[in-house]
């Protein structure tokens, strides 16, 4: 299961958690991926791409 956006290719990032004693622990931050059907294909899309797709649909209608 891929954890990347199928449109823009954005993926998970490494972030640093800090405890009270200021110890650094690396962990992964994942995108808010959502499965959407676009042109008959199921794709995993990030919210940024979803927003841009909705804007394209609105401008095409006008």
PDB file of N, CA and C in Angstrom:
ATOM      1  N   UNK A   1       0.844  -1.179   0.000  1.00  0.00           N
ATOM      2  CA  UNK A   1       0.000   0.000   0.000  1.00  0.00           C
ATOM      3  C   UNK A   1       0.888   1.241   0.000  1.00  0.00           C
ATOM      4  N   UNK A   2       0.771   2.020  -1.047  1.00  0.00           N
ATOM      5  CA  UNK A   2       1.593   3.216  -1.189  1.00  0.00           C
ATOM      6  C   UNK A   2       1.072   4.341  -0.302  1.00  0.00           C
ATOM      7  N   UNK A   3       1.987   5.096   0.270  1.00  0.00           N
ATOM      8  CA  UNK A   3       1.608   6.223   1.115  1.00  0.00           C
ATOM      9  C   UNK A   3       1.989   7.530   0.443  1.00  0.00           C
ATOM     10  N   UNK A   4       1.837   7.570  -0.900  1.00  0.00           N
ATOM     11  CA  UNK A   4       2.145   8.764  -1.679  1.00  0.00           C
ATOM     12  C   UNK A   4       0.915   9.193  -2.457  1.00  0.00           C
ATOM     13  N   UNK A   5       0.842  10.485  -2.718  1.00  0.00           N
ATOM     14  CA  UNK A   5      -0.240  11.025  -3.540  1.00  0.00           C
ATOM     15  C   UNK A   5       0.016  10.619  -4.987  1.00  0.00           C
ATOM     16  N   UNK A   6      -1.013  10.098  -5.669  1.00  0.00           N
ATOM     17  CA  UNK A   6      -0.855   9.647  -7.048  1.00  0.00           C
ATOM     18  C   UNK A   6      -0.738  10.806  -8.028  1.00  0.00           C
ATOM     19  N   UNK A   7      -1.152  12.006  -7.645  1.00  0.00           N
ATOM     20  CA  UNK A   7      -1.110  13.144  -8.558  1.00  0.00           C
ATOM     21  C   UNK A   7       0.192  13.926  -8.425  1.00  0.00           C
ATOM     22  N   UNK A   8       0.500  14.382  -7.212  1.00  0.00           N
ATOM     23  CA  UNK A   8       1.683  15.242  -7.029  1.00  0.00           C
ATOM     24  C   UNK A   8       2.908  14.479  -6.546  1.00  0.00           C
ATOM     25  N   UNK A   9       2.731  13.263  -6.024  1.00  0.00           N
ATOM     26  CA  UNK A   9       3.868  12.463  -5.584  1.00  0.00           C
ATOM     27  C   UNK A   9       4.370  12.773  -4.185  1.00  0.00           C
ATOM     28  N   UNK A  10       3.636  13.614  -3.452  1.00  0.00           N
ATOM     29  CA  UNK A  10       4.046  13.913  -2.075  1.00  0.00           C
ATOM     30  C   UNK A  10       3.925  12.662  -1.219  1.00  0.00           C
ATOM     31  N   UNK A  11       4.875  12.487  -0.307  1.00  0.00           N
ATOM     32  CA  UNK A  11       4.881  11.309   0.539  1.00  0.00           C
ATOM     33  C   UNK A  11       5.109  11.660   1.991  1.00  0.00           C
ATOM     34  N   UNK A  12       5.355  10.653   2.827  1.00  0.00           N
ATOM     35  CA  UNK A  12       5.573  10.893   4.252  1.00  0.00           C
ATOM     36  C   UNK A  12       6.886  11.628   4.510  1.00  0.00           C
ATOM     37  N   UNK A  13       6.922  12.360   5.620  1.00  0.00           N
ATOM     38  CA  UNK A  13       8.108  13.123   6.005  1.00  0.00           C
ATOM     39  C   UNK A  13       8.588  12.649   7.374  1.00  0.00           C
ATOM     40  N   UNK A  14       9.884  12.789   7.625  1.00  0.00           N
ATOM     41  CA  UNK A  14      10.433  12.459   8.938  1.00  0.00           C
ATOM     42  C   UNK A  14      10.356  13.702   9.813  1.00  0.00           C
ATOM     43  N   UNK A  15       9.759  13.554  10.991  1.00  0.00           N
ATOM     44  CA  UNK A  15       9.640  14.655  11.947  1.00  0.00           C
ATOM     45  C   UNK A  15      10.335  14.243  13.239  1.00  0.00           C
ATOM     46  N   UNK A  16      10.526  15.206  14.120  1.00  0.00           N
ATOM     47  CA  UNK A  16      11.197  14.930  15.389  1.00  0.00           C
ATOM     48  C   UNK A  16      10.251  15.227  16.541  1.00  0.00           C
ATOM     49  N   UNK A  17      10.023  14.203  17.384  1.00  0.00           N
ATOM     50  CA  UNK A  17       9.260  14.392  18.620  1.00  0.00           C
ATOM     51  C   UNK A  17      10.239  14.803  19.704  1.00  0.00           C
ATOM     52  N   UNK A  18       9.818  15.698  20.574  1.00  0.00           N
ATOM     53  CA  UNK A  18      10.662  16.122  21.692  1.00  0.00           C
ATOM     54  C   UNK A  18       9.955  15.787  23.000  1.00  0.00           C
ATOM     55  N   UNK A  19      10.657  15.081  23.884  1.00  0.00           N
ATOM     56  CA  UNK A  19      10.098  14.770  25.193  1.00  0.00           C
ATOM     57  C   UNK A  19      10.374  15.940  26.135  1.00  0.00           C
ATOM     58  N   UNK A  20       9.914  15.819  27.359  1.00  0.00           N
ATOM     59  CA  UNK A  20      10.132  16.884  28.343  1.00  0.00           C
ATOM     60  C   UNK A  20      11.622  17.074  28.630  1.00  0.00           C
ATOM     61  N   UNK A  21      12.378  15.979  28.576  1.00  0.00           N
ATOM     62  CA  UNK A  21      13.825  16.080  28.804  1.00  0.00           C
ATOM     63  C   UNK A  21      14.585  16.462  27.529  1.00  0.00           C
ATOM     64  N   UNK A  22      13.844  16.790  26.486  1.00  0.00           N
ATOM     65  CA  UNK A  22      14.372  17.286  25.207  1.00  0.00           C
ATOM     66  C   UNK A  22      15.114  16.214  24.404  1.00  0.00           C
ATOM     67  N   UNK A  23      14.753  14.946  24.620  1.00  0.00           N
ATOM     68  CA  UNK A  23      15.313  13.863  23.820  1.00  0.00           C
ATOM     69  C   UNK A  23      14.604  13.864  22.467  1.00  0.00           C
ATOM     70  N   UNK A  24      15.383  13.766  21.391  1.00  0.00           N
ATOM     71  CA  UNK A  24      14.817  13.786  20.043  1.00  0.00           C
ATOM     72  C   UNK A  24      14.528  12.366  19.571  1.00  0.00           C
ATOM     73  N   UNK A  25      13.297  12.127  19.136  1.00  0.00           N
ATOM     74  CA  UNK A  25      12.889  10.832  18.600  1.00  0.00           C
ATOM     75  C   UNK A  25      12.311  11.073  17.213  1.00  0.00           C
ATOM     76  N   UNK A  26      12.903  10.423  16.213  1.00  0.00           N
ATOM     77  CA  UNK A  26      12.401  10.576  14.845  1.00  0.00           C
ATOM     78  C   UNK A  26      11.169   9.699  14.638  1.00  0.00           C
ATOM     79  N   UNK A  27      10.187  10.245  13.950  1.00  0.00           N
ATOM     80  CA  UNK A  27       9.009   9.465  13.584  1.00  0.00           C
ATOM     81  C   UNK A  27       8.480   9.983  12.253  1.00  0.00           C
ATOM     82  N   UNK A  28       7.571   9.231  11.643  1.00  0.00           N
ATOM     83  CA  UNK A  28       7.036   9.583  10.333  1.00  0.00           C
ATOM     84  C   UNK A  28       5.743  10.378  10.469  1.00  0.00           C
ATOM     85  N   UNK A  29       5.593  11.392   9.634  1.00  0.00           N
ATOM     86  CA  UNK A  29       4.334  12.138   9.518  1.00  0.00           C
ATOM     87  C   UNK A  29       3.743  11.793   8.158  1.00  0.00           C
ATOM     88  N   UNK A  30       2.531  11.244   8.165  1.00  0.00           N
ATOM     89  CA  UNK A  30       1.896  10.811   6.931  1.00  0.00           C
ATOM     90  C   UNK A  30       0.881  11.839   6.448  1.00  0.00           C
ATOM     91  N   UNK A  31       0.642  11.827   5.142  1.00  0.00           N
ATOM     92  CA  UNK A  31      -0.351  12.712   4.544  1.00  0.00           C
ATOM     93  C   UNK A  31      -1.763  12.211   4.846  1.00  0.00           C
ATOM     94  N   UNK A  32      -2.723  13.097   4.695  1.00  0.00           N
ATOM     95  CA  UNK A  32      -4.133  12.744   4.845  1.00  0.00           C
ATOM     96  C   UNK A  32      -4.644  12.258   3.483  1.00  0.00           C
ATOM     97  N   UNK A  33      -4.246  11.056   3.091  1.00  0.00           N
ATOM     98  CA  UNK A  33      -4.621  10.535   1.781  1.00  0.00           C
ATOM     99  C   UNK A  33      -6.057  10.033   1.785  1.00  0.00           C
ATOM    100  N   UNK A  34      -6.757  10.319   0.685  1.00  0.00           N
ATOM    101  CA  UNK A  34      -8.140   9.879   0.525  1.00  0.00           C
ATOM    102  C   UNK A  34      -8.270   9.200  -0.822  1.00  0.00           C
ATOM    103  N   UNK A  35      -8.974   8.067  -0.865  1.00  0.00           N
ATOM    104  CA  UNK A  35      -9.178   7.376  -2.135  1.00  0.00           C
ATOM    105  C   UNK A  35     -10.372   7.990  -2.844  1.00  0.00           C
ATOM    106  N   UNK A  36     -10.144   8.463  -4.053  1.00  0.00           N
ATOM    107  CA  UNK A  36     -11.182   9.077  -4.874  1.00  0.00           C
ATOM    108  C   UNK A  36     -11.149   8.450  -6.259  1.00  0.00           C
ATOM    109  N   UNK A  37     -12.294   8.392  -6.914  1.00  0.00           N
ATOM    110  CA  UNK A  37     -12.368   7.889  -8.274  1.00  0.00           C
ATOM    111  C   UNK A  37     -12.261   9.070  -9.222  1.00  0.00           C
ATOM    112  N   UNK A  38     -11.180   9.098 -10.001  1.00  0.00           N
ATOM    113  CA  UNK A  38     -10.939  10.187 -10.943  1.00  0.00           C
ATOM    114  C   UNK A  38     -10.789   9.573 -12.325  1.00  0.00           C
ATOM    115  N   UNK A  39     -11.660   9.964 -13.245  1.00  0.00           N
ATOM    116  CA  UNK A  39     -11.685   9.434 -14.613  1.00  0.00           C
ATOM    117  C   UNK A  39     -11.783   7.909 -14.639  1.00  0.00           C
ATOM    118  N   UNK A  40     -12.566   7.344 -13.727  1.00  0.00           N
ATOM    119  CA  UNK A  40     -12.788   5.904 -13.684  1.00  0.00           C
ATOM    120  C   UNK A  40     -11.707   5.096 -12.992  1.00  0.00           C
ATOM    121  N   UNK A  41     -10.687   5.759 -12.429  1.00  0.00           N
ATOM    122  CA  UNK A  41      -9.614   5.055 -11.726  1.00  0.00           C
ATOM    123  C   UNK A  41      -9.606   5.463 -10.267  1.00  0.00           C
ATOM    124  N   UNK A  42      -9.407   4.477  -9.371  1.00  0.00           N
ATOM    125  CA  UNK A  42      -9.278   4.787  -7.948  1.00  0.00           C
ATOM    126  C   UNK A  42      -7.873   5.301  -7.692  1.00  0.00           C
ATOM    127  N   UNK A  43      -7.786   6.487  -7.093  1.00  0.00           N
ATOM    128  CA  UNK A  43      -6.491   7.095  -6.828  1.00  0.00           C
ATOM    129  C   UNK A  43      -6.432   7.568  -5.391  1.00  0.00           C
ATOM    130  N   UNK A  44      -5.228   7.573  -4.822  1.00  0.00           N
ATOM    131  CA  UNK A  44      -5.008   8.144  -3.497  1.00  0.00           C
ATOM    132  C   UNK A  44      -4.557   9.582  -3.699  1.00  0.00           C
ATOM    133  N   UNK A  45      -5.339  10.512  -3.147  1.00  0.00           N
ATOM    134  CA  UNK A  45      -5.111  11.927  -3.408  1.00  0.00           C
ATOM    135  C   UNK A  45      -4.988  12.682  -2.093  1.00  0.00           C
ATOM    136  N   UNK A  46      -4.037  13.632  -2.032  1.00  0.00           N
ATOM    137  CA  UNK A  46      -3.882  14.478  -0.846  1.00  0.00           C
ATOM    138  C   UNK A  46      -4.888  15.634  -0.924  1.00  0.00           C
ATOM    139  N   UNK A  47      -5.206  16.276   0.194  1.00  0.00           N
ATOM    140  CA  UNK A  47      -6.197  17.356   0.208  1.00  0.00           C
ATOM    141  C   UNK A  47      -5.831  18.534  -0.688  1.00  0.00           C
ATOM    142  N   UNK A  48      -4.539  18.818  -0.824  1.00  0.00           N
ATOM    143  CA  UNK A  48      -4.094  19.927  -1.669  1.00  0.00           C
ATOM    144  C   UNK A  48      -4.487  19.678  -3.126  1.00  0.00           C
ATOM    145  N   UNK A  49      -4.283  18.454  -3.601  1.00  0.00           N
ATOM    146  CA  UNK A  49      -4.646  18.099  -4.973  1.00  0.00           C
ATOM    147  C   UNK A  49      -6.160  18.055  -5.154  1.00  0.00           C
ATOM    148  N   UNK A  50      -6.879  17.586  -4.129  1.00  0.00           N
ATOM    149  CA  UNK A  50      -8.344  17.563  -4.195  1.00  0.00           C
ATOM    150  C   UNK A  50      -8.894  18.967  -4.381  1.00  0.00           C
ATOM    151  N   UNK A  51      -8.326  19.906  -3.644  1.00  0.00           N
ATOM    152  CA  UNK A  51      -8.768  21.298  -3.720  1.00  0.00           C
ATOM    153  C   UNK A  51      -8.510  21.863  -5.117  1.00  0.00           C
ATOM    154  N   UNK A  52      -7.343  21.565  -5.677  1.00  0.00           N
ATOM    155  CA  UNK A  52      -7.021  22.073  -7.008  1.00  0.00           C
ATOM    156  C   UNK A  52      -7.904  21.422  -8.073  1.00  0.00           C
ATOM    157  N   UNK A  53      -8.256  20.132  -7.888  1.00  0.00           N
ATOM    158  CA  UNK A  53      -9.153  19.462  -8.831  1.00  0.00           C
ATOM    159  C   UNK A  53     -10.544  20.083  -8.805  1.00  0.00           C
ATOM    160  N   UNK A  54     -11.024  20.429  -7.590  1.00  0.00           N
ATOM    161  CA  UNK A  54     -12.336  21.061  -7.475  1.00  0.00           C
ATOM    162  C   UNK A  54     -12.334  22.430  -8.134  1.00  0.00           C
ATOM    163  N   UNK A  55     -11.234  23.177  -7.997  1.00  0.00           N
ATOM    164  CA  UNK A  55     -11.127  24.495  -8.623  1.00  0.00           C
ATOM    165  C   UNK A  55     -11.149  24.377 -10.138  1.00  0.00           C
ATOM    166  N   UNK A  56     -10.488  23.347 -10.688  1.00  0.00           N
ATOM    167  CA  UNK A  56     -10.486  23.129 -12.129  1.00  0.00           C
ATOM    168  C   UNK A  56     -11.893  22.850 -12.638  1.00  0.00           C
ATOM    169  N   UNK A  57     -12.668  22.039 -11.886  1.00  0.00           N
ATOM    170  CA  UNK A  57     -14.031  21.719 -12.298  1.00  0.00           C
ATOM    171  C   UNK A  57     -14.903  22.965 -12.297  1.00  0.00           C
ATOM    172  N   UNK A  58     -14.736  23.837 -11.304  1.00  0.00           N
ATOM    173  CA  UNK A  58     -15.536  25.061 -11.209  1.00  0.00           C
ATOM    174  C   UNK A  58     -15.230  25.992 -12.376  1.00  0.00           C
ATOM    175  N   UNK A  59     -13.956  26.151 -12.729  1.00  0.00           N
ATOM    176  CA  UNK A  59     -13.590  27.050 -13.822  1.00  0.00           C
ATOM    177  C   UNK A  59     -14.014  26.491 -15.170  1.00  0.00           C
ATOM    178  N   UNK A  60     -14.056  25.160 -15.331  1.00  0.00           N
ATOM    179  CA  UNK A  60     -14.482  24.567 -16.597  1.00  0.00           C
ATOM    180  C   UNK A  60     -15.969  24.789 -16.840  1.00  0.00           C
ATOM    181  N   UNK A  61     -16.782  24.817 -15.768  1.00  0.00           N
ATOM    182  CA  UNK A  61     -18.225  24.991 -15.916  1.00  0.00           C
ATOM    183  C   UNK A  61     -18.583  26.398 -16.379  1.00  0.00           C
ATOM    184  N   UNK A  62     -17.785  27.394 -15.994  1.00  0.00           N
ATOM    185  CA  UNK A  62     -18.114  28.786 -16.340  1.00  0.00           C
ATOM    186  C   UNK A  62     -17.802  29.137 -17.754  1.00  0.00           C
TER     187      UNK A  62
END
